Amino acid sequence: MRKISLVVAVAFCLAAAFTVESATKTGTLKVVSPGVALELKMGSTPAPVPNGKEVKMAPGTYTPFRVTCGAKGPGELWTIKSAGPFGKLTEIVVAEGQVTEVEAGAPFTIKVSVSNPTGEGGKPALIGISILGKANEVYAPNTLMKGLSIAPKPQFKIVDEKGTTLAKGEFEYG
């Protein structure tokens, strides 16, 4: 009877040890791009991932809630936000025992799109602007902040091959 009790007790201890070990398995996530703050979707509350710090978390696939980039300019902090699409960051995989490094933000690529460039049908040409980060995450131009204020609207100038200004104006948000 003692042998059976001892075998059952050993089996129970091994099962408990395995359960504790599997419950504490983690991976690590680290945001390595300077000035980038990442928030992940974690249930109903966004979870911040501090810049430059290794954060232990359960292995799995995570989705960003928001990416915020900031840089100190002359006298003020400039920020811009992405609420998606997140490009290569759409799925962030954290593997057990591994460090997953996230890069986002600068250098930025500004893309301009033009619809109806010739003004056909009496409709105006529409010029759109997109701001992409290094992971192809899309930043909203209307989230560009200088300190606590929305930055001035971006301006544009259309010139011909000789450099003569044909039109100029500013982009409108919305």
N, C-alpha and C. Protein backbone atom coordinates (compact mmCIF):
# COMPACT_ATOMS: atom_id res chain seq x y z
N MET A 1 0.82 -1.19 0.00
CA MET A 1 0.00 0.00 0.00
C MET A 1 0.87 1.27 0.00
N ARG A 2 1.99 1.17 0.77
CA ARG A 2 2.88 2.34 0.82
C ARG A 2 3.48 2.62 -0.55
N LYS A 3 3.83 1.55 -1.32
CA LYS A 3 4.41 1.74 -2.64
C LYS A 3 3.42 2.44 -3.56
N ILE A 4 2.15 2.07 -3.49
CA ILE A 4 1.13 2.70 -4.33
C ILE A 4 0.98 4.16 -3.93
N SER A 5 0.94 4.44 -2.63
CA SER A 5 0.81 5.81 -2.16
C SER A 5 2.01 6.64 -2.59
N LEU A 6 3.21 6.05 -2.50
CA LEU A 6 4.42 6.75 -2.89
C LEU A 6 4.41 7.05 -4.40
N VAL A 7 4.01 6.08 -5.22
CA VAL A 7 3.94 6.27 -6.67
C VAL A 7 2.92 7.35 -7.01
N VAL A 8 1.75 7.32 -6.35
CA VAL A 8 0.72 8.34 -6.60
C VAL A 8 1.25 9.71 -6.19
N ALA A 9 1.92 9.80 -5.05
CA ALA A 9 2.44 11.09 -4.58
C ALA A 9 3.51 11.62 -5.53
N VAL A 10 4.39 10.77 -6.02
CA VAL A 10 5.43 11.20 -6.97
C VAL A 10 4.77 11.67 -8.27
N ALA A 11 3.81 10.91 -8.76
CA ALA A 11 3.11 11.30 -10.00
C ALA A 11 2.41 12.64 -9.82
N PHE A 12 1.77 12.85 -8.67
CA PHE A 12 1.09 14.11 -8.40
C PHE A 12 2.10 15.26 -8.37
N CYS A 13 3.24 15.06 -7.72
CA CYS A 13 4.27 16.12 -7.65
C CYS A 13 4.81 16.44 -9.03
N LEU A 14 5.05 15.42 -9.87
CA LEU A 14 5.53 15.67 -11.22
C LEU A 14 4.50 16.44 -12.04
N ALA A 15 3.24 16.07 -11.92
CA ALA A 15 2.18 16.78 -12.64
C ALA A 15 2.08 18.23 -12.19
N ALA A 16 2.18 18.46 -10.88
CA ALA A 16 2.11 19.82 -10.34
C ALA A 16 3.31 20.64 -10.82
N ALA A 17 4.50 20.03 -10.81
CA ALA A 17 5.70 20.74 -11.26
C ALA A 17 5.59 21.09 -12.74
N PHE A 18 5.08 20.16 -13.56
CA PHE A 18 4.92 20.43 -14.99
C PHE A 18 3.91 21.55 -15.22
N THR A 19 2.82 21.56 -14.45
CA THR A 19 1.79 22.58 -14.58
C THR A 19 2.35 23.96 -14.23
N VAL A 20 3.12 24.06 -13.15
CA VAL A 20 3.71 25.33 -12.74
C VAL A 20 4.71 25.79 -13.80
N GLU A 21 5.52 24.85 -14.31
CA GLU A 21 6.52 25.22 -15.32
C GLU A 21 5.85 25.73 -16.59
N SER A 22 4.78 25.05 -17.05
CA SER A 22 4.14 25.47 -18.29
C SER A 22 3.38 26.77 -18.10
N ALA A 23 2.90 27.05 -16.90
CA ALA A 23 2.16 28.29 -16.66
C ALA A 23 3.08 29.50 -16.62
N THR A 24 4.38 29.28 -16.38
CA THR A 24 5.30 30.41 -16.27
C THR A 24 6.16 30.60 -17.51
N LYS A 25 5.89 29.87 -18.58
CA LYS A 25 6.66 30.04 -19.81
C LYS A 25 6.38 31.42 -20.39
N THR A 26 7.45 32.10 -20.80
CA THR A 26 7.31 33.46 -21.34
C THR A 26 8.22 33.67 -22.53
N GLY A 27 7.89 34.69 -23.26
CA GLY A 27 8.74 35.23 -24.29
C GLY A 27 8.98 36.69 -23.93
N THR A 28 9.73 37.40 -24.74
CA THR A 28 10.06 38.79 -24.44
C THR A 28 9.77 39.65 -25.66
N LEU A 29 9.21 40.83 -25.41
CA LEU A 29 8.95 41.81 -26.47
C LEU A 29 9.71 43.08 -26.14
N LYS A 30 10.37 43.64 -27.14
CA LYS A 30 11.15 44.87 -26.93
C LYS A 30 10.97 45.79 -28.13
N VAL A 31 10.58 47.04 -27.86
CA VAL A 31 10.48 48.08 -28.89
C VAL A 31 11.86 48.73 -28.97
N VAL A 32 12.53 48.58 -30.12
CA VAL A 32 13.92 49.04 -30.25
C VAL A 32 14.06 50.36 -30.99
N SER A 33 13.02 50.85 -31.62
CA SER A 33 13.10 52.12 -32.36
C SER A 33 13.00 53.29 -31.39
N PRO A 34 13.94 54.24 -31.45
CA PRO A 34 13.89 55.39 -30.54
C PRO A 34 12.60 56.19 -30.72
N GLY A 35 12.01 56.61 -29.60
CA GLY A 35 10.85 57.48 -29.65
C GLY A 35 9.53 56.81 -29.99
N VAL A 36 9.51 55.47 -30.07
CA VAL A 36 8.29 54.77 -30.44
C VAL A 36 7.65 54.15 -29.21
N ALA A 37 6.35 54.42 -29.04
CA ALA A 37 5.57 53.80 -27.98
C ALA A 37 4.55 52.87 -28.63
N LEU A 38 4.46 51.65 -28.15
CA LEU A 38 3.57 50.65 -28.70
C LEU A 38 2.52 50.28 -27.66
N GLU A 39 1.27 50.18 -28.10
CA GLU A 39 0.20 49.66 -27.25
C GLU A 39 -0.38 48.45 -27.96
N LEU A 40 -0.52 47.35 -27.22
CA LEU A 40 -1.06 46.12 -27.79
C LEU A 40 -2.50 45.91 -27.35
N LYS A 41 -3.28 45.22 -28.19
CA LYS A 41 -4.64 44.84 -27.80
C LYS A 41 -4.52 43.68 -26.82
N MET A 42 -4.99 43.89 -25.61
CA MET A 42 -4.98 42.86 -24.57
C MET A 42 -6.36 42.86 -23.93
N GLY A 43 -7.28 42.10 -24.48
CA GLY A 43 -8.65 42.13 -23.98
C GLY A 43 -9.27 43.46 -24.35
N SER A 44 -9.92 44.09 -23.39
CA SER A 44 -10.60 45.37 -23.67
C SER A 44 -9.73 46.58 -23.34
N THR A 45 -8.52 46.35 -22.82
CA THR A 45 -7.66 47.45 -22.42
C THR A 45 -6.35 47.41 -23.19
N PRO A 46 -5.93 48.53 -23.81
CA PRO A 46 -4.62 48.54 -24.47
C PRO A 46 -3.51 48.40 -23.43
N ALA A 47 -2.49 47.60 -23.76
CA ALA A 47 -1.37 47.39 -22.85
C ALA A 47 -0.13 48.07 -23.42
N PRO A 48 0.44 49.05 -22.69
CA PRO A 48 1.63 49.74 -23.19
C PRO A 48 2.88 48.87 -23.11
N VAL A 49 3.74 48.99 -24.11
CA VAL A 49 5.04 48.33 -24.12
C VAL A 49 6.07 49.45 -24.12
N PRO A 50 6.76 49.67 -22.99
CA PRO A 50 7.71 50.79 -22.90
C PRO A 50 8.85 50.65 -23.90
N ASN A 51 9.30 51.77 -24.42
CA ASN A 51 10.37 51.80 -25.40
C ASN A 51 11.69 51.39 -24.74
N GLY A 52 12.41 50.49 -25.42
CA GLY A 52 13.75 50.12 -24.98
C GLY A 52 13.81 49.14 -23.83
N LYS A 53 12.67 48.73 -23.28
CA LYS A 53 12.66 47.80 -22.15
C LYS A 53 12.15 46.45 -22.61
N GLU A 54 12.74 45.39 -22.08
CA GLU A 54 12.26 44.05 -22.39
C GLU A 54 11.08 43.72 -21.50
N VAL A 55 9.97 43.33 -22.12
CA VAL A 55 8.75 43.02 -21.39
C VAL A 55 8.46 41.53 -21.53
N LYS A 56 8.39 40.83 -20.40
CA LYS A 56 8.06 39.40 -20.40
C LYS A 56 6.56 39.26 -20.61
N MET A 57 6.18 38.33 -21.49
CA MET A 57 4.77 38.10 -21.75
C MET A 57 4.56 36.67 -22.21
N ALA A 58 3.31 36.24 -22.14
CA ALA A 58 2.97 34.89 -22.58
C ALA A 58 3.26 34.74 -24.06
N PRO A 59 3.79 33.60 -24.47
CA PRO A 59 3.99 33.39 -25.90
C PRO A 59 2.64 33.48 -26.64
N GLY A 60 2.68 34.04 -27.82
CA GLY A 60 1.46 34.16 -28.61
C GLY A 60 1.62 35.20 -29.70
N THR A 61 0.52 35.46 -30.38
CA THR A 61 0.48 36.45 -31.46
C THR A 61 -0.32 37.65 -30.97
N TYR A 62 0.25 38.82 -31.09
CA TYR A 62 -0.36 40.05 -30.60
C TYR A 62 -0.60 41.02 -31.74
N THR A 63 -1.60 41.88 -31.55
CA THR A 63 -1.96 42.90 -32.53
C THR A 63 -1.82 44.27 -31.89
N PRO A 64 -1.23 45.23 -32.60
CA PRO A 64 -1.14 46.59 -32.04
C PRO A 64 -2.51 47.23 -31.88
N PHE A 65 -2.64 48.06 -30.88
CA PHE A 65 -3.80 48.93 -30.70
C PHE A 65 -3.45 50.29 -31.29
N ARG A 66 -2.22 50.76 -30.99
CA ARG A 66 -1.77 52.06 -31.48
C ARG A 66 -0.25 52.11 -31.42
N VAL A 67 0.34 52.84 -32.35
CA VAL A 67 1.77 53.13 -32.34
C VAL A 67 1.90 54.65 -32.33
N THR A 68 2.69 55.18 -31.40
CA THR A 68 2.93 56.61 -31.32
C THR A 68 4.42 56.87 -31.45
N CYS A 69 4.78 57.79 -32.34
CA CYS A 69 6.17 58.17 -32.53
C CYS A 69 6.35 59.60 -32.02
N GLY A 70 7.43 59.83 -31.33
CA GLY A 70 7.71 61.16 -30.81
C GLY A 70 9.15 61.55 -31.03
N ALA A 71 9.37 62.84 -31.24
CA ALA A 71 10.72 63.38 -31.40
C ALA A 71 10.74 64.79 -30.86
N LYS A 72 11.81 65.12 -30.20
CA LYS A 72 11.96 66.47 -29.65
C LYS A 72 12.44 67.40 -30.75
N GLY A 73 11.64 68.42 -31.03
CA GLY A 73 12.02 69.43 -32.01
C GLY A 73 12.50 70.67 -31.27
N PRO A 74 12.71 71.76 -31.98
CA PRO A 74 13.13 72.99 -31.30
C PRO A 74 12.07 73.45 -30.30
N GLY A 75 12.30 73.14 -29.03
CA GLY A 75 11.42 73.61 -27.97
C GLY A 75 10.15 72.81 -27.73
N GLU A 76 9.78 71.90 -28.61
CA GLU A 76 8.51 71.18 -28.46
C GLU A 76 8.68 69.71 -28.83
N LEU A 77 7.81 68.89 -28.27
CA LEU A 77 7.76 67.48 -28.63
C LEU A 77 6.78 67.31 -29.78
N TRP A 78 7.20 66.67 -30.85
CA TRP A 78 6.35 66.37 -31.99
C TRP A 78 5.95 64.90 -31.89
N THR A 79 4.68 64.59 -32.12
CA THR A 79 4.21 63.21 -32.11
C THR A 79 3.28 62.97 -33.30
N ILE A 80 3.18 61.70 -33.68
CA ILE A 80 2.23 61.28 -34.71
C ILE A 80 1.80 59.86 -34.35
N LYS A 81 0.54 59.51 -34.66
CA LYS A 81 -0.02 58.23 -34.23
C LYS A 81 -0.51 57.39 -35.40
N SER A 82 -0.43 56.09 -35.19
CA SER A 82 -0.99 55.13 -36.13
C SER A 82 -2.00 54.27 -35.37
N ALA A 83 -3.20 54.18 -35.92
CA ALA A 83 -4.21 53.27 -35.40
C ALA A 83 -4.48 52.18 -36.44
N GLY A 84 -3.54 52.03 -37.38
CA GLY A 84 -3.63 51.00 -38.40
C GLY A 84 -4.00 51.60 -39.74
N PRO A 85 -3.84 50.84 -40.78
CA PRO A 85 -3.25 49.51 -40.80
C PRO A 85 -1.79 49.53 -40.34
N PHE A 86 -1.33 48.37 -39.83
CA PHE A 86 -0.03 48.31 -39.18
C PHE A 86 1.07 47.64 -40.00
N GLY A 87 0.80 47.34 -41.26
CA GLY A 87 1.84 46.77 -42.12
C GLY A 87 2.42 45.49 -41.54
N LYS A 88 3.75 45.43 -41.43
CA LYS A 88 4.44 44.23 -40.93
C LYS A 88 4.18 43.99 -39.44
N LEU A 89 3.58 44.95 -38.75
CA LEU A 89 3.30 44.80 -37.32
C LEU A 89 1.90 44.24 -37.06
N THR A 90 1.15 43.91 -38.11
CA THR A 90 -0.22 43.42 -37.93
C THR A 90 -0.26 42.23 -36.97
N GLU A 91 0.72 41.34 -37.09
CA GLU A 91 0.83 40.22 -36.16
C GLU A 91 2.24 40.22 -35.58
N ILE A 92 2.33 40.42 -34.28
CA ILE A 92 3.61 40.39 -33.58
C ILE A 92 3.67 39.07 -32.83
N VAL A 93 4.59 38.20 -33.23
CA VAL A 93 4.69 36.87 -32.63
C VAL A 93 5.76 36.89 -31.55
N VAL A 94 5.35 36.52 -30.34
CA VAL A 94 6.26 36.38 -29.21
C VAL A 94 6.42 34.89 -28.96
N ALA A 95 7.64 34.38 -29.14
CA ALA A 95 7.91 32.95 -28.98
C ALA A 95 8.52 32.69 -27.61
N GLU A 96 8.23 31.53 -27.08
CA GLU A 96 8.74 31.13 -25.78
C GLU A 96 10.27 31.16 -25.76
N GLY A 97 10.83 31.83 -24.75
CA GLY A 97 12.27 31.89 -24.58
C GLY A 97 13.00 32.77 -25.57
N GLN A 98 12.28 33.49 -26.42
CA GLN A 98 12.90 34.33 -27.45
C GLN A 98 12.59 35.81 -27.21
N VAL A 99 13.45 36.68 -27.73
CA VAL A 99 13.22 38.12 -27.68
C VAL A 99 12.72 38.56 -29.06
N THR A 100 11.53 39.14 -29.11
CA THR A 100 10.99 39.68 -30.35
C THR A 100 11.22 41.18 -30.33
N GLU A 101 11.96 41.68 -31.30
CA GLU A 101 12.23 43.12 -31.38
C GLU A 101 11.29 43.77 -32.38
N VAL A 102 10.69 44.88 -31.98
CA VAL A 102 9.75 45.61 -32.83
C VAL A 102 10.40 46.91 -33.27
N GLU A 103 10.37 47.13 -34.59
CA GLU A 103 10.86 48.40 -35.14
C GLU A 103 9.70 49.07 -35.87
N ALA A 104 9.54 50.36 -35.65
CA ALA A 104 8.48 51.13 -36.30
C ALA A 104 8.95 52.58 -36.38
N GLY A 105 8.12 53.42 -36.99
CA GLY A 105 8.41 54.85 -37.03
C GLY A 105 9.42 55.24 -38.09
N ALA A 106 10.27 56.20 -37.74
CA ALA A 106 11.22 56.79 -38.69
C ALA A 106 12.23 55.76 -39.16
N PRO A 107 12.71 55.91 -40.40
CA PRO A 107 12.39 56.99 -41.33
C PRO A 107 11.00 56.80 -41.93
N PHE A 108 10.33 57.92 -42.13
CA PHE A 108 8.99 57.91 -42.70
C PHE A 108 9.06 58.08 -44.21
N THR A 109 8.09 57.51 -44.89
CA THR A 109 7.93 57.69 -46.33
C THR A 109 6.61 58.42 -46.54
N ILE A 110 6.65 59.51 -47.28
CA ILE A 110 5.45 60.26 -47.61
C ILE A 110 5.02 59.85 -49.00
N LYS A 111 3.80 59.36 -49.11
CA LYS A 111 3.27 58.97 -50.42
C LYS A 111 2.12 59.89 -50.78
N VAL A 112 2.11 60.30 -52.03
CA VAL A 112 1.06 61.18 -52.54
C VAL A 112 0.28 60.42 -53.60
N SER A 113 -1.04 60.46 -53.51
CA SER A 113 -1.87 59.84 -54.54
C SER A 113 -2.72 60.93 -55.18
N VAL A 114 -2.99 60.76 -56.47
CA VAL A 114 -3.77 61.75 -57.21
C VAL A 114 -4.92 61.04 -57.90
N SER A 115 -6.12 61.56 -57.69
CA SER A 115 -7.31 61.06 -58.39
C SER A 115 -7.81 62.15 -59.32
N ASN A 116 -8.20 61.76 -60.51
CA ASN A 116 -8.71 62.70 -61.52
C ASN A 116 -7.71 63.83 -61.78
N PRO A 117 -6.47 63.50 -62.13
CA PRO A 117 -5.43 64.53 -62.27
C PRO A 117 -5.70 65.57 -63.34
N THR A 118 -6.50 65.23 -64.34
CA THR A 118 -6.75 66.21 -65.41
C THR A 118 -8.02 67.02 -65.17
N GLY A 119 -8.72 66.74 -64.08
CA GLY A 119 -9.93 67.50 -63.79
C GLY A 119 -11.07 67.20 -64.74
N GLU A 120 -11.10 65.98 -65.25
CA GLU A 120 -12.15 65.60 -66.20
C GLU A 120 -13.54 65.72 -65.59
N GLY A 121 -14.50 66.03 -66.44
CA GLY A 121 -15.89 66.11 -65.99
C GLY A 121 -16.16 67.30 -65.09
N GLY A 122 -15.26 68.26 -65.09
CA GLY A 122 -15.46 69.43 -64.24
C GLY A 122 -15.21 69.17 -62.76
N LYS A 123 -14.75 67.95 -62.44
CA LYS A 123 -14.46 67.61 -61.04
C LYS A 123 -13.01 67.97 -60.74
N PRO A 124 -12.76 68.40 -59.51
CA PRO A 124 -11.38 68.78 -59.16
C PRO A 124 -10.49 67.55 -59.02
N ALA A 125 -9.22 67.77 -59.22
CA ALA A 125 -8.24 66.73 -58.93
C ALA A 125 -8.15 66.60 -57.41
N LEU A 126 -8.03 65.37 -56.94
CA LEU A 126 -7.89 65.13 -55.50
C LEU A 126 -6.49 64.62 -55.22
N ILE A 127 -5.82 65.23 -54.28
CA ILE A 127 -4.47 64.83 -53.91
C ILE A 127 -4.51 64.33 -52.48
N GLY A 128 -4.08 63.09 -52.27
CA GLY A 128 -4.06 62.51 -50.93
C GLY A 128 -2.64 62.32 -50.45
N ILE A 129 -2.47 62.29 -49.14
CA ILE A 129 -1.15 62.12 -48.56
C ILE A 129 -1.21 60.97 -47.55
N SER A 130 -0.21 60.09 -47.62
CA SER A 130 -0.08 58.99 -46.67
C SER A 130 1.30 59.05 -46.05
N ILE A 131 1.38 58.74 -44.77
CA ILE A 131 2.65 58.71 -44.06
C ILE A 131 2.88 57.28 -43.59
N LEU A 132 3.97 56.67 -44.08
CA LEU A 132 4.28 55.28 -43.74
C LEU A 132 5.54 55.22 -42.90
N GLY A 133 5.52 54.36 -41.89
CA GLY A 133 6.71 54.12 -41.08
C GLY A 133 7.53 52.98 -41.65
N LYS A 134 8.65 52.65 -41.00
CA LYS A 134 9.59 51.66 -41.53
C LYS A 134 9.00 50.25 -41.61
N ALA A 135 7.93 49.96 -40.87
CA ALA A 135 7.27 48.65 -40.96
C ALA A 135 6.02 48.74 -41.84
N ASN A 136 5.92 49.80 -42.62
CA ASN A 136 4.76 50.08 -43.48
C ASN A 136 3.49 50.34 -42.69
N GLU A 137 3.65 50.74 -41.45
CA GLU A 137 2.47 51.14 -40.66
C GLU A 137 2.05 52.53 -41.13
N VAL A 138 0.74 52.77 -41.17
CA VAL A 138 0.19 54.02 -41.72
C VAL A 138 -0.12 54.98 -40.57
N TYR A 139 0.41 56.19 -40.66
CA TYR A 139 0.16 57.23 -39.66
C TYR A 139 -0.84 58.23 -40.23
N ALA A 140 -1.75 58.69 -39.41
CA ALA A 140 -2.77 59.65 -39.86
C ALA A 140 -2.19 61.06 -39.80
N PRO A 141 -2.20 61.78 -40.94
CA PRO A 141 -1.63 63.14 -40.94
C PRO A 141 -2.29 64.06 -39.92
N ASN A 142 -3.58 63.84 -39.63
CA ASN A 142 -4.26 64.73 -38.69
C ASN A 142 -3.93 64.42 -37.23
N THR A 143 -3.03 63.45 -36.99
CA THR A 143 -2.58 63.19 -35.62
C THR A 143 -1.20 63.78 -35.35
N LEU A 144 -0.64 64.47 -36.33
CA LEU A 144 0.66 65.11 -36.14
C LEU A 144 0.49 66.28 -35.17
N MET A 145 1.17 66.17 -34.04
CA MET A 145 1.03 67.18 -32.98
C MET A 145 2.37 67.87 -32.73
N LYS A 146 2.28 69.16 -32.50
CA LYS A 146 3.44 69.96 -32.06
C LYS A 146 3.09 70.39 -30.65
N GLY A 147 3.72 69.76 -29.67
CA GLY A 147 3.32 70.00 -28.29
C GLY A 147 1.91 69.46 -28.08
N LEU A 148 1.00 70.30 -27.61
CA LEU A 148 -0.38 69.88 -27.38
C LEU A 148 -1.33 70.32 -28.48
N SER A 149 -0.79 70.88 -29.56
CA SER A 149 -1.63 71.39 -30.65
C SER A 149 -1.43 70.57 -31.92
N ILE A 150 -2.52 70.44 -32.70
CA ILE A 150 -2.40 69.80 -34.00
C ILE A 150 -1.50 70.68 -34.86
N ALA A 151 -0.55 70.05 -35.54
CA ALA A 151 0.38 70.79 -36.39
C ALA A 151 -0.36 71.45 -37.54
N PRO A 152 0.21 72.51 -38.09
CA PRO A 152 -0.42 73.14 -39.25
C PRO A 152 -0.60 72.14 -40.38
N LYS A 153 -1.62 72.36 -41.20
CA LYS A 153 -1.88 71.47 -42.32
C LYS A 153 -0.69 71.50 -43.28
N PRO A 154 -0.34 70.33 -43.83
CA PRO A 154 0.75 70.32 -44.81
C PRO A 154 0.39 71.14 -46.04
N GLN A 155 1.37 71.79 -46.61
CA GLN A 155 1.15 72.61 -47.80
C GLN A 155 1.75 71.91 -49.01
N PHE A 156 1.27 72.28 -50.18
CA PHE A 156 1.81 71.72 -51.41
C PHE A 156 1.94 72.81 -52.47
N LYS A 157 2.81 72.52 -53.45
CA LYS A 157 2.98 73.41 -54.60
C LYS A 157 3.17 72.52 -55.81
N ILE A 158 2.43 72.80 -56.88
CA ILE A 158 2.56 72.07 -58.13
C ILE A 158 3.31 72.96 -59.10
N VAL A 159 4.42 72.40 -59.63
CA VAL A 159 5.26 73.18 -60.55
C VAL A 159 5.40 72.42 -61.87
N ASP A 160 5.68 73.16 -62.93
CA ASP A 160 5.94 72.52 -64.21
C ASP A 160 7.43 72.20 -64.30
N GLU A 161 7.83 71.65 -65.45
CA GLU A 161 9.23 71.24 -65.61
C GLU A 161 10.20 72.41 -65.55
N LYS A 162 9.75 73.64 -65.74
CA LYS A 162 10.62 74.82 -65.66
C LYS A 162 10.68 75.38 -64.25
N GLY A 163 9.84 74.82 -63.34
CA GLY A 163 9.81 75.32 -61.97
C GLY A 163 8.78 76.41 -61.74
N THR A 164 7.96 76.70 -62.74
CA THR A 164 6.91 77.70 -62.59
C THR A 164 5.78 77.13 -61.74
N THR A 165 5.34 77.87 -60.75
CA THR A 165 4.26 77.41 -59.88
C THR A 165 2.93 77.46 -60.63
N LEU A 166 2.29 76.30 -60.73
CA LEU A 166 1.00 76.19 -61.39
C LEU A 166 -0.16 76.30 -60.39
N ALA A 167 0.05 75.77 -59.21
CA ALA A 167 -0.97 75.83 -58.16
C ALA A 167 -0.29 75.58 -56.82
N LYS A 168 -0.90 76.10 -55.77
CA LYS A 168 -0.40 75.80 -54.42
C LYS A 168 -1.57 75.85 -53.46
N GLY A 169 -1.40 75.21 -52.33
CA GLY A 169 -2.48 75.18 -51.35
C GLY A 169 -2.05 74.36 -50.14
N GLU A 170 -3.05 73.93 -49.38
CA GLU A 170 -2.78 73.11 -48.22
C GLU A 170 -3.76 71.93 -48.21
N PHE A 171 -3.30 70.84 -47.62
CA PHE A 171 -4.16 69.67 -47.51
C PHE A 171 -5.24 69.94 -46.48
N GLU A 172 -6.38 69.32 -46.66
CA GLU A 172 -7.47 69.43 -45.70
C GLU A 172 -7.63 68.09 -45.00
N TYR A 173 -7.84 68.10 -43.71
CA TYR A 173 -8.06 66.87 -42.96
C TYR A 173 -9.51 66.44 -43.14
N GLY A 174 -9.69 65.12 -43.30
CA GLY A 174 -11.07 64.62 -43.32
C GLY A 174 -11.50 64.04 -44.59
